[in-house]
Amino acid sequence: TFPTVARSFHSEYIAPQQALLWEIIQEGVQSGAF
């Protein structure tokens, strides 16, 4: 009903959270573990 809720939630929480997880995964790739 209120798309701005979804947009705010995604841009302010989901996207940064995914970026941090991806940073961890890429660190594992670079180290040869992942």
PDB file of all heavy atoms in Angstrom:
ATOM      1  N   THR A   1       0.819  -1.215   0.000  1.00  0.00           N
ATOM      2  CA  THR A   1       0.000   0.000   0.000  1.00  0.00           C
ATOM      3  C   THR A   1       0.853   1.265   0.000  1.00  0.00           C
ATOM      4  O   THR A   1       0.492   2.268  -0.621  1.00  0.00           O
ATOM      5  CB  THR A   1      -0.925   0.012   1.230  1.00  0.00           C
ATOM      6  OG1 THR A   1      -1.660  -1.217   1.281  1.00  0.00           O
ATOM      7  CG2 THR A   1      -1.905   1.169   1.172  1.00  0.00           C
ATOM      8  N   PHE A   2       1.982   1.204   0.708  1.00  0.00           N
ATOM      9  CA  PHE A   2       2.865   2.365   0.820  1.00  0.00           C
ATOM     10  C   PHE A   2       4.253   1.967   0.307  1.00  0.00           C
ATOM     11  O   PHE A   2       5.103   1.527   1.082  1.00  0.00           O
ATOM     12  CB  PHE A   2       2.953   2.830   2.272  1.00  0.00           C
ATOM     13  CG  PHE A   2       1.632   3.242   2.859  1.00  0.00           C
ATOM     14  CD1 PHE A   2       0.914   2.370   3.651  1.00  0.00           C
ATOM     15  CD2 PHE A   2       1.111   4.499   2.602  1.00  0.00           C
ATOM     16  CE1 PHE A   2      -0.304   2.742   4.190  1.00  0.00           C
ATOM     17  CE2 PHE A   2      -0.100   4.885   3.139  1.00  0.00           C
ATOM     18  CZ  PHE A   2      -0.818   4.001   3.937  1.00  0.00           C
ATOM     19  N   PRO A   3       4.485   2.084  -0.998  1.00  0.00           N
ATOM     20  CA  PRO A   3       5.765   1.663  -1.587  1.00  0.00           C
ATOM     21  C   PRO A   3       6.978   2.331  -0.960  1.00  0.00           C
ATOM     22  O   PRO A   3       8.078   1.774  -0.990  1.00  0.00           O
ATOM     23  CB  PRO A   3       5.617   2.052  -3.061  1.00  0.00           C
ATOM     24  CG  PRO A   3       4.142   2.091  -3.304  1.00  0.00           C
ATOM     25  CD  PRO A   3       3.540   2.582  -2.020  1.00  0.00           C
ATOM     26  N   THR A   4       6.803   3.524  -0.388  1.00  0.00           N
ATOM     27  CA  THR A   4       7.953   4.196   0.212  1.00  0.00           C
ATOM     28  C   THR A   4       8.484   3.425   1.420  1.00  0.00           C
ATOM     29  O   THR A   4       9.662   3.534   1.760  1.00  0.00           O
ATOM     30  CB  THR A   4       7.588   5.626   0.659  1.00  0.00           C
ATOM     31  OG1 THR A   4       6.433   5.582   1.495  1.00  0.00           O
ATOM     32  CG2 THR A   4       7.325   6.517  -0.539  1.00  0.00           C
ATOM     33  N   VAL A   5       7.608   2.646   2.070  1.00  0.00           N
ATOM     34  CA  VAL A   5       8.053   1.802   3.182  1.00  0.00           C
ATOM     35  C   VAL A   5       9.051   0.770   2.669  1.00  0.00           C
ATOM     36  O   VAL A   5      10.136   0.581   3.224  1.00  0.00           O
ATOM     37  CB  VAL A   5       6.863   1.110   3.869  1.00  0.00           C
ATOM     38  CG1 VAL A   5       7.348   0.070   4.873  1.00  0.00           C
ATOM     39  CG2 VAL A   5       5.979   2.134   4.570  1.00  0.00           C
ATOM     40  N   ALA A   6       8.663   0.086   1.581  1.00  0.00           N
ATOM     41  CA  ALA A   6       9.544  -0.923   0.998  1.00  0.00           C
ATOM     42  C   ALA A   6      10.839  -0.293   0.492  1.00  0.00           C
ATOM     43  O   ALA A   6      11.932  -0.833   0.699  1.00  0.00           O
ATOM     44  CB  ALA A   6       8.827  -1.639  -0.145  1.00  0.00           C
ATOM     45  N   ARG A   7      10.722   0.876  -0.160  1.00  0.00           N
ATOM     46  CA  ARG A   7      11.903   1.526  -0.722  1.00  0.00           C
ATOM     47  C   ARG A   7      12.868   1.944   0.384  1.00  0.00           C
ATOM     48  O   ARG A   7      14.072   1.734   0.291  1.00  0.00           O
ATOM     49  CB  ARG A   7      11.462   2.740  -1.539  1.00  0.00           C
ATOM     50  CG  ARG A   7      12.586   3.481  -2.223  1.00  0.00           C
ATOM     51  CD  ARG A   7      13.283   2.621  -3.264  1.00  0.00           C
ATOM     52  NE  ARG A   7      12.396   2.239  -4.345  1.00  0.00           N
ATOM     53  CZ  ARG A   7      12.756   1.436  -5.331  1.00  0.00           C
ATOM     54  NH1 ARG A   7      13.980   0.933  -5.365  1.00  0.00           N
ATOM     55  NH2 ARG A   7      11.901   1.119  -6.278  1.00  0.00           N
ATOM     56  N   SER A   8      12.325   2.535   1.453  1.00  0.00           N
ATOM     57  CA  SER A   8      13.171   2.967   2.559  1.00  0.00           C
ATOM     58  C   SER A   8      13.826   1.776   3.240  1.00  0.00           C
ATOM     59  O   SER A   8      15.017   1.799   3.555  1.00  0.00           O
ATOM     60  CB  SER A   8      12.345   3.764   3.580  1.00  0.00           C
ATOM     61  OG  SER A   8      11.846   4.940   3.016  1.00  0.00           O
ATOM     62  N   PHE A   9      13.041   0.735   3.483  1.00  0.00           N
ATOM     63  CA  PHE A   9      13.546  -0.450   4.163  1.00  0.00           C
ATOM     64  C   PHE A   9      14.654  -1.100   3.357  1.00  0.00           C
ATOM     65  O   PHE A   9      15.683  -1.525   3.903  1.00  0.00           O
ATOM     66  CB  PHE A   9      12.396  -1.430   4.383  1.00  0.00           C
ATOM     67  CG  PHE A   9      12.759  -2.629   5.205  1.00  0.00           C
ATOM     68  CD1 PHE A   9      13.295  -2.487   6.473  1.00  0.00           C
ATOM     69  CD2 PHE A   9      12.541  -3.905   4.726  1.00  0.00           C
ATOM     70  CE1 PHE A   9      13.621  -3.590   7.243  1.00  0.00           C
ATOM     71  CE2 PHE A   9      12.857  -5.011   5.486  1.00  0.00           C
ATOM     72  CZ  PHE A   9      13.397  -4.861   6.740  1.00  0.00           C
ATOM     73  N   HIS A  10      14.473  -1.139   2.033  1.00  0.00           N
ATOM     74  CA  HIS A  10      15.487  -1.764   1.184  1.00  0.00           C
ATOM     75  C   HIS A  10      16.759  -0.922   1.116  1.00  0.00           C
ATOM     76  O   HIS A  10      17.865  -1.441   1.295  1.00  0.00           O
ATOM     77  CB  HIS A  10      14.942  -1.983  -0.224  1.00  0.00           C
ATOM     78  CG  HIS A  10      15.881  -2.718  -1.120  1.00  0.00           C
ATOM     79  ND1 HIS A  10      16.857  -2.065  -1.862  1.00  0.00           N
ATOM     80  CD2 HIS A  10      16.041  -4.038  -1.378  1.00  0.00           C
ATOM     81  CE1 HIS A  10      17.554  -2.955  -2.537  1.00  0.00           C
ATOM     82  NE2 HIS A  10      17.085  -4.156  -2.272  1.00  0.00           N
ATOM     83  N   SER A  11      16.602   0.375   0.868  1.00  0.00           N
ATOM     84  CA  SER A  11      17.783   1.214   0.646  1.00  0.00           C
ATOM     85  C   SER A  11      18.579   1.453   1.915  1.00  0.00           C
ATOM     86  O   SER A  11      19.809   1.536   1.875  1.00  0.00           O
ATOM     87  CB  SER A  11      17.366   2.555   0.040  1.00  0.00           C
ATOM     88  OG  SER A  11      16.545   3.283   0.932  1.00  0.00           O
ATOM     89  N   GLU A  12      17.882   1.534   3.059  1.00  0.00           N
ATOM     90  CA  GLU A  12      18.557   1.881   4.307  1.00  0.00           C
ATOM     91  C   GLU A  12      18.998   0.670   5.122  1.00  0.00           C
ATOM     92  O   GLU A  12      19.875   0.781   5.984  1.00  0.00           O
ATOM     93  CB  GLU A  12      17.657   2.767   5.170  1.00  0.00           C
ATOM     94  CG  GLU A  12      17.258   4.074   4.515  1.00  0.00           C
ATOM     95  CD  GLU A  12      18.415   5.030   4.373  1.00  0.00           C
ATOM     96  OE1 GLU A  12      19.428   4.861   5.080  1.00  0.00           O
ATOM     97  OE2 GLU A  12      18.314   5.956   3.544  1.00  0.00           O
ATOM     98  N   TYR A  13      18.378  -0.497   4.877  1.00  0.00           N
ATOM     99  CA  TYR A  13      18.762  -1.676   5.650  1.00  0.00           C
ATOM    100  C   TYR A  13      19.163  -2.855   4.775  1.00  0.00           C
ATOM    101  O   TYR A  13      20.257  -3.383   4.901  1.00  0.00           O
ATOM    102  CB  TYR A  13      17.646  -2.107   6.604  1.00  0.00           C
ATOM    103  CG  TYR A  13      17.988  -3.428   7.266  1.00  0.00           C
ATOM    104  CD1 TYR A  13      19.022  -3.491   8.203  1.00  0.00           C
ATOM    105  CD2 TYR A  13      17.352  -4.605   6.908  1.00  0.00           C
ATOM    106  CE1 TYR A  13      19.393  -4.691   8.767  1.00  0.00           C
ATOM    107  CE2 TYR A  13      17.714  -5.801   7.474  1.00  0.00           C
ATOM    108  CZ  TYR A  13      18.726  -5.850   8.400  1.00  0.00           C
ATOM    109  OH  TYR A  13      19.085  -7.040   8.951  1.00  0.00           O
ATOM    110  N   ILE A  14      18.294  -3.281   3.872  1.00  0.00           N
ATOM    111  CA  ILE A  14      18.564  -4.494   3.100  1.00  0.00           C
ATOM    112  C   ILE A  14      19.825  -4.343   2.247  1.00  0.00           C
ATOM    113  O   ILE A  14      20.704  -5.212   2.253  1.00  0.00           O
ATOM    114  CB  ILE A  14      17.358  -4.851   2.203  1.00  0.00           C
ATOM    115  CG1 ILE A  14      16.126  -5.159   3.062  1.00  0.00           C
ATOM    116  CG2 ILE A  14      17.698  -6.052   1.311  1.00  0.00           C
ATOM    117  CD1 ILE A  14      16.283  -6.358   3.963  1.00  0.00           C
ATOM    118  N   ALA A  15      19.928  -3.247   1.506  1.00  0.00           N
ATOM    119  CA  ALA A  15      21.088  -3.061   0.627  1.00  0.00           C
ATOM    120  C   ALA A  15      22.406  -2.986   1.397  1.00  0.00           C
ATOM    121  O   ALA A  15      23.376  -3.667   1.029  1.00  0.00           O
ATOM    122  CB  ALA A  15      20.890  -1.825  -0.245  1.00  0.00           C
ATOM    123  N   PRO A  16      22.509  -2.195   2.477  1.00  0.00           N
ATOM    124  CA  PRO A  16      23.760  -2.184   3.247  1.00  0.00           C
ATOM    125  C   PRO A  16      24.078  -3.539   3.868  1.00  0.00           C
ATOM    126  O   PRO A  16      25.255  -3.925   3.937  1.00  0.00           O
ATOM    127  CB  PRO A  16      23.508  -1.129   4.329  1.00  0.00           C
ATOM    128  CG  PRO A  16      22.447  -0.254   3.792  1.00  0.00           C
ATOM    129  CD  PRO A  16      21.572  -1.156   2.974  1.00  0.00           C
ATOM    130  N   GLN A  17      23.058  -4.232   4.310  1.00  0.00           N
ATOM    131  CA  GLN A  17      23.264  -5.555   4.897  1.00  0.00           C
ATOM    132  C   GLN A  17      23.821  -6.533   3.861  1.00  0.00           C
ATOM    133  O   GLN A  17      24.773  -7.268   4.124  1.00  0.00           O
ATOM    134  CB  GLN A  17      21.929  -6.057   5.433  1.00  0.00           C
ATOM    135  CG  GLN A  17      21.861  -7.550   5.701  1.00  0.00           C
ATOM    136  CD  GLN A  17      20.428  -8.009   5.692  1.00  0.00           C
ATOM    137  OE1 GLN A  17      19.746  -7.847   6.691  1.00  0.00           O
ATOM    138  NE2 GLN A  17      19.961  -8.539   4.596  1.00  0.00           N
ATOM    139  N   GLN A  18      23.247  -6.514   2.675  1.00  0.00           N
ATOM    140  CA  GLN A  18      23.735  -7.384   1.612  1.00  0.00           C
ATOM    141  C   GLN A  18      25.163  -7.021   1.220  1.00  0.00           C
ATOM    142  O   GLN A  18      25.979  -7.904   0.926  1.00  0.00           O
ATOM    143  CB  GLN A  18      22.800  -7.301   0.409  1.00  0.00           C
ATOM    144  CG  GLN A  18      21.443  -7.949   0.649  1.00  0.00           C
ATOM    145  CD  GLN A  18      20.526  -7.850  -0.558  1.00  0.00           C
ATOM    146  OE1 GLN A  18      20.727  -7.014  -1.451  1.00  0.00           O
ATOM    147  NE2 GLN A  18      19.503  -8.672  -0.589  1.00  0.00           N
ATOM    148  N   ALA A  19      25.463  -5.733   1.224  1.00  0.00           N
ATOM    149  CA  ALA A  19      26.823  -5.292   0.887  1.00  0.00           C
ATOM    150  C   ALA A  19      27.834  -5.837   1.892  1.00  0.00           C
ATOM    151  O   ALA A  19      28.941  -6.261   1.512  1.00  0.00           O
ATOM    152  CB  ALA A  19      26.882  -3.772   0.836  1.00  0.00           C
ATOM    153  N   LEU A  20      27.473  -5.850   3.164  1.00  0.00           N
ATOM    154  CA  LEU A  20      28.377  -6.367   4.196  1.00  0.00           C
ATOM    155  C   LEU A  20      28.559  -7.871   4.051  1.00  0.00           C
ATOM    156  O   LEU A  20      29.678  -8.392   4.180  1.00  0.00           O
ATOM    157  CB  LEU A  20      27.829  -6.031   5.581  1.00  0.00           C
ATOM    158  CG  LEU A  20      27.977  -4.563   6.003  1.00  0.00           C
ATOM    159  CD1 LEU A  20      27.114  -4.263   7.223  1.00  0.00           C
ATOM    160  CD2 LEU A  20      29.438  -4.234   6.299  1.00  0.00           C
ATOM    161  N   LEU A  21      27.465  -8.585   3.781  1.00  0.00           N
ATOM    162  CA  LEU A  21      27.578 -10.029   3.565  1.00  0.00           C
ATOM    163  C   LEU A  21      28.444 -10.338   2.343  1.00  0.00           C
ATOM    164  O   LEU A  21      29.267 -11.256   2.372  1.00  0.00           O
ATOM    165  CB  LEU A  21      26.191 -10.651   3.383  1.00  0.00           C
ATOM    166  CG  LEU A  21      25.401 -10.979   4.636  1.00  0.00           C
ATOM    167  CD1 LEU A  21      24.025 -11.503   4.254  1.00  0.00           C
ATOM    168  CD2 LEU A  21      26.125 -12.015   5.486  1.00  0.00           C
ATOM    169  N   TRP A  22      28.233  -9.569   1.276  1.00  0.00           N
ATOM    170  CA  TRP A  22      29.016  -9.790   0.060  1.00  0.00           C
ATOM    171  C   TRP A  22      30.493  -9.486   0.302  1.00  0.00           C
ATOM    172  O   TRP A  22      31.369 -10.167  -0.233  1.00  0.00           O
ATOM    173  CB  TRP A  22      28.470  -8.934  -1.072  1.00  0.00           C
ATOM    174  CG  TRP A  22      29.025  -9.292  -2.414  1.00  0.00           C
ATOM    175  CD1 TRP A  22      29.777  -8.505  -3.240  1.00  0.00           C
ATOM    176  CD2 TRP A  22      28.866 -10.547  -3.095  1.00  0.00           C
ATOM    177  NE1 TRP A  22      30.103  -9.190  -4.388  1.00  0.00           N
ATOM    178  CE2 TRP A  22      29.559 -10.441  -4.327  1.00  0.00           C
ATOM    179  CE3 TRP A  22      28.214 -11.735  -2.786  1.00  0.00           C
ATOM    180  CZ2 TRP A  22      29.612 -11.479  -5.247  1.00  0.00           C
ATOM    181  CZ3 TRP A  22      28.258 -12.783  -3.696  1.00  0.00           C
ATOM    182  CH2 TRP A  22      28.962 -12.652  -4.910  1.00  0.00           C
ATOM    183  N   GLU A  23      30.765  -8.494   1.127  1.00  0.00           N
ATOM    184  CA  GLU A  23      32.140  -8.176   1.493  1.00  0.00           C
ATOM    185  C   GLU A  23      32.795  -9.367   2.189  1.00  0.00           C
ATOM    186  O   GLU A  23      33.956  -9.710   1.911  1.00  0.00           O
ATOM    187  CB  GLU A  23      32.143  -6.953   2.417  1.00  0.00           C
ATOM    188  CG  GLU A  23      33.503  -6.543   2.943  1.00  0.00           C
ATOM    189  CD  GLU A  23      33.411  -5.390   3.934  1.00  0.00           C
ATOM    190  OE1 GLU A  23      32.609  -4.472   3.699  1.00  0.00           O
ATOM    191  OE2 GLU A  23      34.137  -5.411   4.955  1.00  0.00           O
ATOM    192  N   ILE A  24      32.061 -10.015   3.094  1.00  0.00           N
ATOM    193  CA  ILE A  24      32.580 -11.188   3.805  1.00  0.00           C
ATOM    194  C   ILE A  24      32.822 -12.341   2.827  1.00  0.00           C
ATOM    195  O   ILE A  24      33.853 -13.022   2.881  1.00  0.00           O
ATOM    196  CB  ILE A  24      31.609 -11.611   4.920  1.00  0.00           C
ATOM    197  CG1 ILE A  24      31.562 -10.544   6.021  1.00  0.00           C
ATOM    198  CG2 ILE A  24      32.014 -12.968   5.511  1.00  0.00           C
ATOM    199  CD1 ILE A  24      30.478 -10.766   7.056  1.00  0.00           C
ATOM    200  N   ILE A  25      31.857 -12.550   1.925  1.00  0.00           N
ATOM    201  CA  ILE A  25      31.993 -13.639   0.956  1.00  0.00           C
ATOM    202  C   ILE A  25      33.184 -13.396   0.034  1.00  0.00           C
ATOM    203  O   ILE A  25      33.983 -14.307  -0.237  1.00  0.00           O
ATOM    204  CB  ILE A  25      30.690 -13.797   0.137  1.00  0.00           C
ATOM    205  CG1 ILE A  25      29.568 -14.332   1.038  1.00  0.00           C
ATOM    206  CG2 ILE A  25      30.905 -14.746  -1.043  1.00  0.00           C
ATOM    207  CD1 ILE A  25      28.199 -14.305   0.388  1.00  0.00           C
ATOM    208  N   GLN A  26      33.330 -12.162  -0.442  1.00  0.00           N
ATOM    209  CA  GLN A  26      34.446 -11.847  -1.334  1.00  0.00           C
ATOM    210  C   GLN A  26      35.793 -11.945  -0.623  1.00  0.00           C
ATOM    211  O   GLN A  26      36.802 -12.323  -1.230  1.00  0.00           O
ATOM    212  CB  GLN A  26      34.258 -10.454  -1.930  1.00  0.00           C
ATOM    213  CG  GLN A  26      33.142 -10.374  -2.942  1.00  0.00           C
ATOM    214  CD  GLN A  26      33.311 -11.380  -4.071  1.00  0.00           C
ATOM    215  OE1 GLN A  26      34.295 -11.361  -4.806  1.00  0.00           O
ATOM    216  NE2 GLN A  26      32.347 -12.289  -4.201  1.00  0.00           N
ATOM    217  N   GLU A  27      35.797 -11.641   0.660  1.00  0.00           N
ATOM    218  CA  GLU A  27      37.027 -11.834   1.440  1.00  0.00           C
ATOM    219  C   GLU A  27      37.400 -13.318   1.452  1.00  0.00           C
ATOM    220  O   GLU A  27      38.583 -13.682   1.348  1.00  0.00           O
ATOM    221  CB  GLU A  27      36.813 -11.334   2.866  1.00  0.00           C
ATOM    222  CG  GLU A  27      38.049 -11.414   3.748  1.00  0.00           C
ATOM    223  CD  GLU A  27      37.790 -10.923   5.167  1.00  0.00           C
ATOM    224  OE1 GLU A  27      36.883 -10.084   5.346  1.00  0.00           O
ATOM    225  OE2 GLU A  27      38.504 -11.375   6.089  1.00  0.00           O
ATOM    226  N   GLY A  28      36.369 -14.169   1.572  1.00  0.00           N
ATOM    227  CA  GLY A  28      36.612 -15.613   1.532  1.00  0.00           C
ATOM    228  C   GLY A  28      37.088 -16.084   0.174  1.00  0.00           C
ATOM    229  O   GLY A  28      37.949 -16.971   0.077  1.00  0.00           O
ATOM    230  N   VAL A  29      36.541 -15.481  -0.884  1.00  0.00           N
ATOM    231  CA  VAL A  29      36.971 -15.825  -2.246  1.00  0.00           C
ATOM    232  C   VAL A  29      38.435 -15.441  -2.442  1.00  0.00           C
ATOM    233  O   VAL A  29      39.244 -16.223  -2.962  1.00  0.00           O
ATOM    234  CB  VAL A  29      36.074 -15.113  -3.288  1.00  0.00           C
ATOM    235  CG1 VAL A  29      36.653 -15.305  -4.701  1.00  0.00           C
ATOM    236  CG2 VAL A  29      34.647 -15.643  -3.226  1.00  0.00           C
ATOM    237  N   GLN A  30      38.789 -14.251  -2.007  1.00  0.00           N
ATOM    238  CA  GLN A  30      40.169 -13.773  -2.179  1.00  0.00           C
ATOM    239  C   GLN A  30      41.171 -14.583  -1.364  1.00  0.00           C
ATOM    240  O   GLN A  30      42.321 -14.753  -1.769  1.00  0.00           O
ATOM    241  CB  GLN A  30      40.242 -12.295  -1.802  1.00  0.00           C
ATOM    242  CG  GLN A  30      39.487 -11.387  -2.750  1.00  0.00           C
ATOM    243  CD  GLN A  30      39.338  -9.970  -2.235  1.00  0.00           C
ATOM    244  OE1 GLN A  30      39.974  -9.589  -1.258  1.00  0.00           O
ATOM    245  NE2 GLN A  30      38.480  -9.190  -2.884  1.00  0.00           N
ATOM    246  N   SER A  31      40.730 -15.121  -0.227  1.00  0.00           N
ATOM    247  CA  SER A  31      41.630 -15.916   0.603  1.00  0.00           C
ATOM    248  C   SER A  31      41.736 -17.357   0.124  1.00  0.00           C
ATOM    249  O   SER A  31      42.592 -18.112   0.603  1.00  0.00           O
ATOM    250  CB  SER A  31      41.141 -15.912   2.056  1.00  0.00           C
ATOM    251  OG  SER A  31      39.958 -16.688   2.191  1.00  0.00           O
ATOM    252  N   GLY A  32      40.844 -17.736  -0.802  1.00  0.00           N
ATOM    253  CA  GLY A  32      40.847 -19.109  -1.307  1.00  0.00           C
ATOM    254  C   GLY A  32      39.956 -20.056  -0.530  1.00  0.00           C
ATOM    255  O   GLY A  32      39.897 -21.249  -0.833  1.00  0.00           O
ATOM    256  N   ALA A  33      39.246 -19.545   0.479  1.00  0.00           N
ATOM    257  CA  ALA A  33      38.367 -20.394   1.285  1.00  0.00           C
ATOM    258  C   ALA A  33      37.025 -20.637   0.605  1.00  0.00           C
ATOM    259  O   ALA A  33      36.415 -21.693   0.754  1.00  0.00           O
ATOM    260  CB  ALA A  33      38.143 -19.766   2.658  1.00  0.00           C
ATOM    261  N   PHE A  34      36.529 -19.630  -0.144  1.00  0.00           N
ATOM    262  CA  PHE A  34      35.227 -19.720  -0.801  1.00  0.00           C
ATOM    263  C   PHE A  34      35.405 -19.715  -2.313  1.00  0.00           C
ATOM    264  O   PHE A  34      36.322 -19.079  -2.841  1.00  0.00           O
ATOM    265  CB  PHE A  34      34.331 -18.538  -0.427  1.00  0.00           C
ATOM    266  CG  PHE A  34      33.876 -18.521   1.015  1.00  0.00           C
ATOM    267  CD1 PHE A  34      33.360 -17.358   1.570  1.00  0.00           C
ATOM    268  CD2 PHE A  34      33.937 -19.654   1.809  1.00  0.00           C
ATOM    269  CE1 PHE A  34      32.926 -17.311   2.881  1.00  0.00           C
ATOM    270  CE2 PHE A  34      33.506 -19.632   3.129  1.00  0.00           C
ATOM    271  CZ  PHE A  34      32.999 -18.453   3.661  1.00  0.00           C
TER     272      PHE A  34
END
